[in-house]
């Protein structure tokens, strides 16, 4: 059960209703996380949607964005985001084994994606300056400075939803992640 106020999507008014209509039109439903965010702060929901919209125009592929979101969600232990991004990762072309590898920092057979996941796990699990060898490794795997910055944007985007879902204990409306 949600810990934060979440009104039925059908009862939303104003800006929240507009956002919910757009989300439903785009993906066929309003996921519980978006319903909670929009019920409480349409501004926060709009910002989260705008971040994800920006990521679709950024220098990372959809697969790479999902690797980032899976790695961060695993480290945050956000069951809701793991469920959502396991589904989205599959739709973006990640195999079940690549999804598990991104989550757990194990080899997937795709060295470039493995380097990205390792980079993300390091930046999420540590504080202070990221060690130079970590940055060098992701660059040597083929990532540009622009892609590194876009990776940080993806980390920021998923961190918001991880936090929202962890505070709210958002009920799953996606199949649970294995």
N, C-alpha and C. Protein backbone atom coordinates (compact mmCIF):
# COMPACT_ATOMS: atom_id res chain seq x y z
N UNK A 1 0.84 -1.18 0.00
CA UNK A 1 0.00 0.00 0.00
C UNK A 1 0.89 1.25 0.00
N UNK A 2 0.50 2.21 -0.78
CA UNK A 2 1.26 3.45 -0.88
C UNK A 2 1.30 4.18 0.45
N UNK A 3 2.41 4.82 0.71
CA UNK A 3 2.57 5.64 1.92
C UNK A 3 2.24 7.10 1.65
N UNK A 4 2.31 7.50 0.38
CA UNK A 4 2.01 8.87 -0.01
C UNK A 4 0.64 8.91 -0.68
N UNK A 5 0.02 10.06 -0.64
CA UNK A 5 -1.27 10.25 -1.28
C UNK A 5 -1.16 9.91 -2.77
N UNK A 6 -2.08 9.08 -3.22
CA UNK A 6 -2.16 8.75 -4.64
C UNK A 6 -3.63 8.68 -5.01
N UNK A 7 -4.07 9.70 -5.72
CA UNK A 7 -5.47 9.72 -6.13
C UNK A 7 -5.68 8.86 -7.36
N UNK A 8 -6.87 8.33 -7.54
CA UNK A 8 -7.15 7.61 -8.78
C UNK A 8 -6.88 8.53 -9.98
N UNK A 9 -6.24 8.00 -10.99
CA UNK A 9 -5.90 8.78 -12.17
C UNK A 9 -7.14 9.43 -12.76
N UNK A 10 -8.25 8.73 -12.71
CA UNK A 10 -9.50 9.24 -13.28
C UNK A 10 -10.05 10.45 -12.54
N UNK A 11 -9.58 10.69 -11.33
CA UNK A 11 -10.06 11.83 -10.54
C UNK A 11 -9.12 13.03 -10.59
N UNK A 12 -8.01 12.89 -11.29
CA UNK A 12 -7.04 13.99 -11.35
C UNK A 12 -7.63 15.17 -12.12
N UNK A 13 -7.18 16.35 -11.73
CA UNK A 13 -7.61 17.58 -12.40
C UNK A 13 -6.38 18.42 -12.73
N UNK A 14 -6.59 19.45 -13.51
CA UNK A 14 -5.54 20.41 -13.80
C UNK A 14 -4.33 19.80 -14.48
N UNK A 15 -3.16 20.28 -14.05
CA UNK A 15 -1.91 19.87 -14.68
C UNK A 15 -1.66 18.37 -14.54
N UNK A 16 -1.99 17.81 -13.38
CA UNK A 16 -1.80 16.37 -13.18
C UNK A 16 -2.63 15.60 -14.20
N UNK A 17 -3.87 16.00 -14.41
CA UNK A 17 -4.73 15.31 -15.38
C UNK A 17 -4.14 15.39 -16.78
N UNK A 18 -3.58 16.54 -17.13
CA UNK A 18 -2.96 16.69 -18.46
C UNK A 18 -1.77 15.75 -18.62
N UNK A 19 -0.95 15.68 -17.59
CA UNK A 19 0.21 14.79 -17.64
C UNK A 19 -0.22 13.33 -17.72
N UNK A 20 -1.21 12.96 -16.91
CA UNK A 20 -1.69 11.58 -16.91
C UNK A 20 -2.26 11.20 -18.28
N UNK A 21 -2.98 12.11 -18.91
CA UNK A 21 -3.54 11.85 -20.24
C UNK A 21 -2.42 11.62 -21.25
N UNK A 22 -1.38 12.43 -21.18
CA UNK A 22 -0.25 12.28 -22.10
C UNK A 22 0.47 10.96 -21.87
N UNK A 23 0.68 10.59 -20.61
CA UNK A 23 1.36 9.34 -20.28
C UNK A 23 0.53 8.16 -20.78
N UNK A 24 -0.76 8.18 -20.49
CA UNK A 24 -1.63 7.08 -20.92
C UNK A 24 -1.63 6.96 -22.44
N UNK A 25 -1.65 8.10 -23.14
CA UNK A 25 -1.60 8.07 -24.59
C UNK A 25 -0.30 7.50 -25.13
N UNK A 26 0.79 7.76 -24.43
CA UNK A 26 2.11 7.32 -24.89
C UNK A 26 2.39 5.85 -24.58
N UNK A 27 1.99 5.39 -23.40
CA UNK A 27 2.35 4.01 -23.02
C UNK A 27 1.15 3.12 -22.66
N UNK A 28 -0.04 3.68 -22.74
CA UNK A 28 -1.23 2.86 -22.52
C UNK A 28 -1.75 2.81 -21.10
N UNK A 29 -0.98 3.29 -20.16
CA UNK A 29 -1.41 3.34 -18.75
C UNK A 29 -0.59 4.38 -18.02
N UNK A 30 -1.01 4.70 -16.82
CA UNK A 30 -0.23 5.58 -15.95
C UNK A 30 0.35 4.69 -14.86
N UNK A 31 1.66 4.41 -14.92
CA UNK A 31 2.27 3.57 -13.89
C UNK A 31 2.08 4.17 -12.50
N UNK A 32 2.03 3.30 -11.51
CA UNK A 32 1.81 3.73 -10.12
C UNK A 32 2.80 4.80 -9.68
N UNK A 33 4.05 4.70 -10.07
CA UNK A 33 5.05 5.70 -9.66
C UNK A 33 4.68 7.07 -10.20
N UNK A 34 4.25 7.14 -11.45
CA UNK A 34 3.86 8.42 -12.04
C UNK A 34 2.58 8.93 -11.40
N UNK A 35 1.66 8.03 -11.08
CA UNK A 35 0.42 8.46 -10.43
C UNK A 35 0.71 9.09 -9.07
N UNK A 36 1.63 8.50 -8.33
CA UNK A 36 1.99 9.06 -7.02
C UNK A 36 2.69 10.40 -7.17
N UNK A 37 3.67 10.46 -8.05
CA UNK A 37 4.38 11.73 -8.25
C UNK A 37 3.41 12.83 -8.68
N UNK A 38 2.58 12.56 -9.68
CA UNK A 38 1.66 13.56 -10.20
C UNK A 38 0.57 13.95 -9.22
N UNK A 39 0.15 13.01 -8.38
CA UNK A 39 -0.88 13.31 -7.37
C UNK A 39 -0.37 14.30 -6.34
N UNK A 40 0.91 14.26 -6.09
CA UNK A 40 1.50 15.11 -5.06
C UNK A 40 2.21 16.34 -5.61
N UNK A 41 2.86 16.19 -6.75
CA UNK A 41 3.60 17.30 -7.33
C UNK A 41 3.66 17.15 -8.85
N UNK A 42 2.68 17.70 -9.54
CA UNK A 42 2.76 17.65 -11.00
C UNK A 42 4.05 18.26 -11.53
N UNK A 43 4.62 19.22 -10.80
CA UNK A 43 5.89 19.82 -11.21
C UNK A 43 7.00 18.76 -11.18
N UNK A 44 7.05 17.95 -10.13
CA UNK A 44 8.06 16.90 -10.04
C UNK A 44 7.87 15.87 -11.14
N UNK A 45 6.63 15.47 -11.39
CA UNK A 45 6.37 14.50 -12.46
C UNK A 45 6.78 15.07 -13.81
N UNK A 46 6.43 16.30 -14.07
CA UNK A 46 6.79 16.92 -15.33
C UNK A 46 8.31 16.99 -15.49
N UNK A 47 9.01 17.34 -14.42
CA UNK A 47 10.48 17.40 -14.47
C UNK A 47 11.05 16.02 -14.77
N UNK A 48 10.53 14.98 -14.13
CA UNK A 48 11.01 13.61 -14.37
C UNK A 48 10.76 13.20 -15.82
N UNK A 49 9.58 13.52 -16.33
CA UNK A 49 9.26 13.20 -17.72
C UNK A 49 10.16 13.97 -18.68
N UNK A 50 10.44 15.22 -18.34
CA UNK A 50 11.33 16.03 -19.19
C UNK A 50 12.75 15.48 -19.19
N UNK A 51 13.23 15.00 -18.04
CA UNK A 51 14.56 14.38 -17.99
C UNK A 51 14.60 13.15 -18.90
N UNK A 52 13.57 12.32 -18.80
CA UNK A 52 13.54 11.14 -19.66
C UNK A 52 13.41 11.52 -21.12
N UNK A 53 12.67 12.58 -21.41
CA UNK A 53 12.58 13.07 -22.79
C UNK A 53 13.92 13.55 -23.30
N UNK A 54 14.66 14.22 -22.44
CA UNK A 54 16.00 14.69 -22.83
C UNK A 54 16.92 13.50 -23.10
N UNK A 55 16.80 12.45 -22.31
CA UNK A 55 17.64 11.28 -22.50
C UNK A 55 17.38 10.61 -23.86
N UNK A 56 16.15 10.68 -24.34
CA UNK A 56 15.85 10.10 -25.66
C UNK A 56 16.56 10.87 -26.78
N UNK A 57 16.96 12.12 -26.51
CA UNK A 57 17.68 12.94 -27.50
C UNK A 57 19.19 12.94 -27.26
N UNK A 58 19.62 12.32 -26.20
CA UNK A 58 21.02 12.37 -25.77
C UNK A 58 21.87 11.40 -26.57
N UNK A 59 23.11 11.30 -26.19
CA UNK A 59 24.10 10.52 -26.94
C UNK A 59 24.14 9.03 -26.59
N UNK A 60 23.33 8.61 -25.63
CA UNK A 60 23.28 7.20 -25.26
C UNK A 60 22.14 6.50 -26.00
N UNK A 61 22.35 5.24 -26.34
CA UNK A 61 21.27 4.45 -26.95
C UNK A 61 20.25 4.08 -25.87
N UNK A 62 19.10 3.62 -26.30
CA UNK A 62 18.07 3.17 -25.35
C UNK A 62 18.61 2.03 -24.49
N UNK A 63 19.38 1.12 -25.08
CA UNK A 63 19.97 0.01 -24.31
C UNK A 63 20.90 0.56 -23.23
N UNK A 64 21.71 1.55 -23.59
CA UNK A 64 22.65 2.10 -22.62
C UNK A 64 21.93 2.82 -21.49
N UNK A 65 20.88 3.55 -21.81
CA UNK A 65 20.10 4.22 -20.76
C UNK A 65 19.52 3.17 -19.82
N UNK A 66 19.03 2.08 -20.35
CA UNK A 66 18.46 1.03 -19.49
C UNK A 66 19.53 0.36 -18.65
N UNK A 67 20.73 0.18 -19.17
CA UNK A 67 21.83 -0.36 -18.37
C UNK A 67 22.08 0.56 -17.17
N UNK A 68 22.11 1.86 -17.41
CA UNK A 68 22.31 2.82 -16.32
C UNK A 68 21.20 2.69 -15.29
N UNK A 69 19.96 2.68 -15.76
CA UNK A 69 18.82 2.64 -14.84
C UNK A 69 18.76 1.33 -14.06
N UNK A 70 19.13 0.24 -14.69
CA UNK A 70 19.16 -1.05 -13.99
C UNK A 70 20.26 -1.07 -12.93
N UNK A 71 21.44 -0.56 -13.26
CA UNK A 71 22.55 -0.56 -12.31
C UNK A 71 22.22 0.30 -11.09
N UNK A 72 21.69 1.49 -11.33
CA UNK A 72 21.35 2.39 -10.22
C UNK A 72 20.25 1.78 -9.36
N UNK A 73 19.23 1.25 -10.01
CA UNK A 73 18.09 0.68 -9.27
C UNK A 73 18.50 -0.53 -8.44
N UNK A 74 19.44 -1.32 -8.95
CA UNK A 74 19.94 -2.45 -8.18
C UNK A 74 20.66 -1.95 -6.93
N UNK A 75 21.52 -0.96 -7.09
CA UNK A 75 22.26 -0.45 -5.95
C UNK A 75 21.34 0.24 -4.94
N UNK A 76 20.25 0.84 -5.42
CA UNK A 76 19.28 1.48 -4.53
C UNK A 76 18.30 0.47 -3.94
N UNK A 77 18.32 -0.73 -4.47
CA UNK A 77 17.39 -1.80 -4.07
C UNK A 77 15.93 -1.34 -4.22
N UNK A 78 15.65 -0.72 -5.36
CA UNK A 78 14.30 -0.25 -5.66
C UNK A 78 13.57 -1.31 -6.48
N UNK A 79 12.76 -2.11 -5.83
CA UNK A 79 12.05 -3.19 -6.51
C UNK A 79 11.15 -2.68 -7.63
N UNK A 80 10.53 -1.53 -7.43
CA UNK A 80 9.64 -0.99 -8.44
C UNK A 80 10.42 -0.66 -9.71
N UNK A 81 11.53 0.07 -9.58
CA UNK A 81 12.31 0.46 -10.76
C UNK A 81 12.99 -0.75 -11.39
N UNK A 82 13.39 -1.72 -10.59
CA UNK A 82 13.96 -2.93 -11.17
C UNK A 82 12.93 -3.65 -12.02
N UNK A 83 11.69 -3.72 -11.55
CA UNK A 83 10.62 -4.34 -12.34
C UNK A 83 10.38 -3.56 -13.63
N UNK A 84 10.23 -2.25 -13.50
CA UNK A 84 9.93 -1.42 -14.67
C UNK A 84 11.06 -1.48 -15.69
N UNK A 85 12.30 -1.38 -15.23
CA UNK A 85 13.42 -1.29 -16.17
C UNK A 85 13.91 -2.66 -16.65
N UNK A 86 13.53 -3.72 -15.98
CA UNK A 86 13.74 -5.05 -16.55
C UNK A 86 12.84 -5.19 -17.77
N UNK A 87 11.60 -4.76 -17.65
CA UNK A 87 10.67 -4.77 -18.78
C UNK A 87 11.16 -3.84 -19.90
N UNK A 88 11.51 -2.61 -19.54
CA UNK A 88 11.96 -1.63 -20.54
C UNK A 88 13.30 -2.04 -21.17
N UNK A 89 14.17 -2.62 -20.37
CA UNK A 89 15.44 -3.09 -20.90
C UNK A 89 15.25 -4.16 -21.96
N UNK A 90 14.32 -5.07 -21.70
CA UNK A 90 14.00 -6.09 -22.70
C UNK A 90 13.46 -5.46 -23.98
N UNK A 91 12.58 -4.48 -23.83
CA UNK A 91 12.03 -3.79 -25.00
C UNK A 91 13.10 -3.01 -25.76
N UNK A 92 14.15 -2.57 -25.05
CA UNK A 92 15.24 -1.84 -25.69
C UNK A 92 16.25 -2.77 -26.35
N UNK A 93 16.08 -4.07 -26.16
CA UNK A 93 16.97 -5.03 -26.82
C UNK A 93 17.97 -5.73 -25.92
N UNK A 94 17.88 -5.52 -24.61
CA UNK A 94 18.78 -6.23 -23.69
C UNK A 94 18.25 -7.64 -23.44
N UNK A 95 19.13 -8.61 -23.48
CA UNK A 95 18.74 -9.98 -23.15
C UNK A 95 18.57 -10.10 -21.64
N UNK A 96 17.94 -11.19 -21.22
CA UNK A 96 17.77 -11.43 -19.78
C UNK A 96 19.13 -11.49 -19.09
N UNK A 97 20.12 -12.11 -19.73
CA UNK A 97 21.44 -12.20 -19.11
C UNK A 97 22.13 -10.84 -19.07
N UNK A 98 21.92 -10.00 -20.08
CA UNK A 98 22.51 -8.65 -20.07
C UNK A 98 21.86 -7.79 -18.99
N UNK A 99 20.58 -7.99 -18.75
CA UNK A 99 19.89 -7.26 -17.68
C UNK A 99 20.48 -7.65 -16.33
N UNK A 100 20.66 -8.93 -16.11
CA UNK A 100 21.25 -9.39 -14.85
C UNK A 100 22.68 -8.89 -14.70
N UNK A 101 23.44 -8.89 -15.79
CA UNK A 101 24.82 -8.42 -15.75
C UNK A 101 24.88 -6.94 -15.39
N UNK A 102 24.00 -6.14 -15.98
CA UNK A 102 23.98 -4.71 -15.67
C UNK A 102 23.64 -4.48 -14.20
N UNK A 103 22.70 -5.24 -13.70
CA UNK A 103 22.29 -5.10 -12.31
C UNK A 103 23.42 -5.46 -11.35
N UNK A 104 24.12 -6.53 -11.66
CA UNK A 104 25.06 -7.09 -10.69
C UNK A 104 26.53 -6.84 -11.02
N UNK A 105 26.79 -6.13 -12.13
CA UNK A 105 28.16 -5.81 -12.49
C UNK A 105 28.97 -7.02 -12.91
N UNK A 106 28.30 -7.98 -13.52
CA UNK A 106 28.98 -9.18 -14.00
C UNK A 106 29.08 -9.12 -15.53
N UNK A 107 29.97 -9.90 -16.12
CA UNK A 107 30.14 -9.85 -17.57
C UNK A 107 28.88 -10.30 -18.33
N UNK A 108 28.57 -9.56 -19.38
CA UNK A 108 27.40 -9.88 -20.20
C UNK A 108 27.80 -10.42 -21.57
N UNK A 109 29.07 -10.25 -21.91
CA UNK A 109 29.50 -10.59 -23.26
C UNK A 109 29.55 -9.36 -24.16
N UNK A 110 29.05 -8.22 -23.66
CA UNK A 110 29.13 -6.95 -24.38
C UNK A 110 30.01 -6.02 -23.56
N UNK A 111 31.29 -5.99 -23.91
CA UNK A 111 32.30 -5.28 -23.11
C UNK A 111 31.96 -3.81 -22.90
N UNK A 112 31.42 -3.16 -23.91
CA UNK A 112 31.13 -1.73 -23.78
C UNK A 112 30.01 -1.51 -22.75
N UNK A 113 28.97 -2.32 -22.81
CA UNK A 113 27.88 -2.18 -21.82
C UNK A 113 28.38 -2.55 -20.42
N UNK A 114 29.24 -3.54 -20.34
CA UNK A 114 29.80 -3.93 -19.04
C UNK A 114 30.62 -2.79 -18.44
N UNK A 115 31.38 -2.09 -19.27
CA UNK A 115 32.16 -0.94 -18.78
C UNK A 115 31.25 0.18 -18.30
N UNK A 116 30.15 0.39 -19.01
CA UNK A 116 29.18 1.41 -18.59
C UNK A 116 28.58 1.04 -17.24
N UNK A 117 28.15 -0.20 -17.10
CA UNK A 117 27.57 -0.65 -15.83
C UNK A 117 28.58 -0.52 -14.69
N UNK A 118 29.82 -0.91 -14.94
CA UNK A 118 30.86 -0.80 -13.90
C UNK A 118 31.06 0.66 -13.49
N UNK A 119 31.09 1.55 -14.48
CA UNK A 119 31.22 2.98 -14.20
C UNK A 119 30.07 3.46 -13.32
N UNK A 120 28.86 3.10 -13.69
CA UNK A 120 27.68 3.55 -12.94
C UNK A 120 27.69 2.99 -11.53
N UNK A 121 27.97 1.71 -11.39
CA UNK A 121 28.03 1.14 -10.03
C UNK A 121 29.06 1.88 -9.17
N UNK A 122 30.19 2.23 -9.75
CA UNK A 122 31.21 2.95 -8.99
C UNK A 122 30.71 4.32 -8.57
N UNK A 123 30.13 5.08 -9.49
CA UNK A 123 29.72 6.44 -9.11
C UNK A 123 28.57 6.43 -8.12
N UNK A 124 27.75 5.40 -8.15
CA UNK A 124 26.62 5.34 -7.21
C UNK A 124 27.07 4.85 -5.83
N UNK A 125 28.01 3.95 -5.79
CA UNK A 125 28.42 3.32 -4.54
C UNK A 125 29.50 4.10 -3.78
N UNK A 126 30.10 5.10 -4.40
CA UNK A 126 31.19 5.81 -3.77
C UNK A 126 30.84 7.28 -3.57
N UNK A 127 31.67 7.96 -2.82
CA UNK A 127 31.53 9.40 -2.65
C UNK A 127 32.89 10.04 -2.91
N UNK A 128 32.88 11.35 -3.01
CA UNK A 128 34.12 12.05 -3.32
C UNK A 128 34.44 11.93 -4.80
N UNK A 129 35.65 12.31 -5.16
CA UNK A 129 36.06 12.24 -6.56
C UNK A 129 36.03 10.79 -7.05
N UNK A 130 35.53 10.62 -8.25
CA UNK A 130 35.58 9.30 -8.88
C UNK A 130 37.03 9.07 -9.28
N UNK A 131 37.58 7.92 -8.92
CA UNK A 131 38.99 7.67 -9.25
C UNK A 131 39.25 7.77 -10.76
N UNK A 132 40.37 8.38 -11.11
CA UNK A 132 40.74 8.57 -12.52
C UNK A 132 40.72 7.26 -13.31
N UNK A 133 41.21 6.15 -12.76
CA UNK A 133 41.18 4.91 -13.54
C UNK A 133 39.77 4.47 -13.93
N UNK A 134 38.77 4.81 -13.13
CA UNK A 134 37.38 4.46 -13.45
C UNK A 134 36.92 5.26 -14.67
N UNK A 135 37.25 6.54 -14.69
CA UNK A 135 36.89 7.39 -15.82
C UNK A 135 37.65 6.96 -17.08
N UNK A 136 38.92 6.66 -16.90
CA UNK A 136 39.74 6.21 -18.03
C UNK A 136 39.18 4.91 -18.61
N UNK A 137 38.75 4.00 -17.75
CA UNK A 137 38.23 2.70 -18.21
C UNK A 137 36.97 2.88 -19.06
N UNK A 138 36.06 3.74 -18.64
CA UNK A 138 34.83 3.93 -19.42
C UNK A 138 35.14 4.62 -20.75
N UNK A 139 36.11 5.52 -20.74
CA UNK A 139 36.53 6.15 -22.00
C UNK A 139 37.21 5.14 -22.92
N UNK A 140 38.06 4.29 -22.36
CA UNK A 140 38.74 3.28 -23.17
C UNK A 140 37.76 2.26 -23.75
N UNK A 141 36.61 2.10 -23.12
CA UNK A 141 35.57 1.20 -23.63
C UNK A 141 34.84 1.82 -24.82
N UNK A 142 35.07 3.12 -25.05
CA UNK A 142 34.47 3.76 -26.22
C UNK A 142 33.48 4.87 -25.91
N UNK A 143 33.37 5.25 -24.65
CA UNK A 143 32.43 6.32 -24.29
C UNK A 143 33.10 7.68 -24.36
N UNK A 144 32.41 8.62 -24.98
CA UNK A 144 32.91 10.00 -25.11
C UNK A 144 32.58 10.79 -23.84
N UNK A 145 33.17 11.95 -23.74
CA UNK A 145 32.85 12.83 -22.61
C UNK A 145 31.37 13.18 -22.61
N UNK A 146 30.79 13.42 -23.79
CA UNK A 146 29.36 13.73 -23.87
C UNK A 146 28.52 12.56 -23.35
N UNK A 147 28.91 11.35 -23.69
CA UNK A 147 28.18 10.18 -23.21
C UNK A 147 28.34 10.00 -21.70
N UNK A 148 29.48 10.36 -21.17
CA UNK A 148 29.67 10.29 -19.72
C UNK A 148 28.74 11.29 -19.04
N UNK A 149 28.65 12.49 -19.56
CA UNK A 149 27.74 13.48 -18.98
C UNK A 149 26.29 13.02 -19.11
N UNK A 150 25.93 12.45 -20.26
CA UNK A 150 24.56 11.94 -20.42
C UNK A 150 24.29 10.76 -19.49
N UNK A 151 25.32 9.98 -19.18
CA UNK A 151 25.19 8.91 -18.19
C UNK A 151 24.83 9.50 -16.83
N UNK A 152 25.48 10.59 -16.47
CA UNK A 152 25.18 11.25 -15.19
C UNK A 152 23.75 11.77 -15.17
N UNK A 153 23.26 12.25 -16.31
CA UNK A 153 21.86 12.68 -16.40
C UNK A 153 20.93 11.50 -16.18
N UNK A 154 21.25 10.36 -16.78
CA UNK A 154 20.42 9.16 -16.59
C UNK A 154 20.44 8.72 -15.12
N UNK A 155 21.59 8.82 -14.47
CA UNK A 155 21.68 8.49 -13.04
C UNK A 155 20.77 9.42 -12.24
N UNK A 156 20.81 10.71 -12.55
CA UNK A 156 19.97 11.67 -11.84
C UNK A 156 18.49 11.36 -12.06
N UNK A 157 18.11 11.03 -13.28
CA UNK A 157 16.70 10.76 -13.58
C UNK A 157 16.19 9.56 -12.80
N UNK A 158 16.94 8.46 -12.82
CA UNK A 158 16.46 7.26 -12.14
C UNK A 158 16.57 7.39 -10.62
N UNK A 159 17.50 8.19 -10.14
CA UNK A 159 17.61 8.37 -8.70
C UNK A 159 16.34 8.99 -8.13
N UNK A 160 15.74 9.95 -8.84
CA UNK A 160 14.49 10.53 -8.36
C UNK A 160 13.42 9.46 -8.23
N UNK A 161 13.22 8.64 -9.26
CA UNK A 161 12.15 7.64 -9.16
C UNK A 161 12.49 6.55 -8.15
N UNK A 162 13.78 6.20 -8.03
CA UNK A 162 14.17 5.25 -6.98
C UNK A 162 13.76 5.79 -5.61
N UNK A 163 14.09 7.04 -5.35
CA UNK A 163 13.78 7.63 -4.05
C UNK A 163 12.27 7.70 -3.82
N UNK A 164 11.54 8.14 -4.82
CA UNK A 164 10.08 8.22 -4.69
C UNK A 164 9.49 6.86 -4.35
N UNK A 165 9.91 5.84 -5.07
CA UNK A 165 9.34 4.51 -4.85
C UNK A 165 9.78 3.89 -3.54
N UNK A 166 10.98 4.19 -3.10
CA UNK A 166 11.43 3.67 -1.81
C UNK A 166 10.70 4.34 -0.66
N UNK A 167 10.46 5.65 -0.76
CA UNK A 167 9.71 6.35 0.28
C UNK A 167 8.26 5.88 0.28
N UNK A 168 7.70 5.72 -0.90
CA UNK A 168 6.28 5.38 -1.03
C UNK A 168 5.97 3.90 -0.88
N UNK A 169 6.97 3.04 -1.04
CA UNK A 169 6.72 1.59 -1.15
C UNK A 169 5.67 1.36 -2.23
N UNK A 170 5.93 1.93 -3.40
CA UNK A 170 4.99 1.91 -4.51
C UNK A 170 4.65 0.47 -4.90
N UNK A 171 3.35 0.16 -4.96
CA UNK A 171 2.95 -1.19 -5.37
C UNK A 171 3.35 -1.45 -6.83
N UNK A 172 3.87 -2.66 -7.07
CA UNK A 172 4.27 -3.02 -8.42
C UNK A 172 3.06 -3.09 -9.35
N UNK A 173 3.23 -2.55 -10.53
CA UNK A 173 2.24 -2.75 -11.60
C UNK A 173 2.94 -3.23 -12.86
N UNK A 174 4.14 -3.79 -12.67
CA UNK A 174 4.93 -4.45 -13.70
C UNK A 174 5.27 -5.83 -13.14
N UNK A 175 5.60 -6.79 -13.98
CA UNK A 175 6.05 -8.09 -13.44
C UNK A 175 7.29 -7.88 -12.58
N UNK A 176 7.39 -8.55 -11.45
CA UNK A 176 8.57 -8.41 -10.60
C UNK A 176 9.84 -8.81 -11.35
N UNK A 177 10.93 -8.14 -11.04
CA UNK A 177 12.22 -8.48 -11.65
C UNK A 177 12.71 -9.79 -11.06
N UNK A 178 13.23 -10.67 -11.93
CA UNK A 178 13.76 -11.94 -11.39
C UNK A 178 15.04 -11.72 -10.61
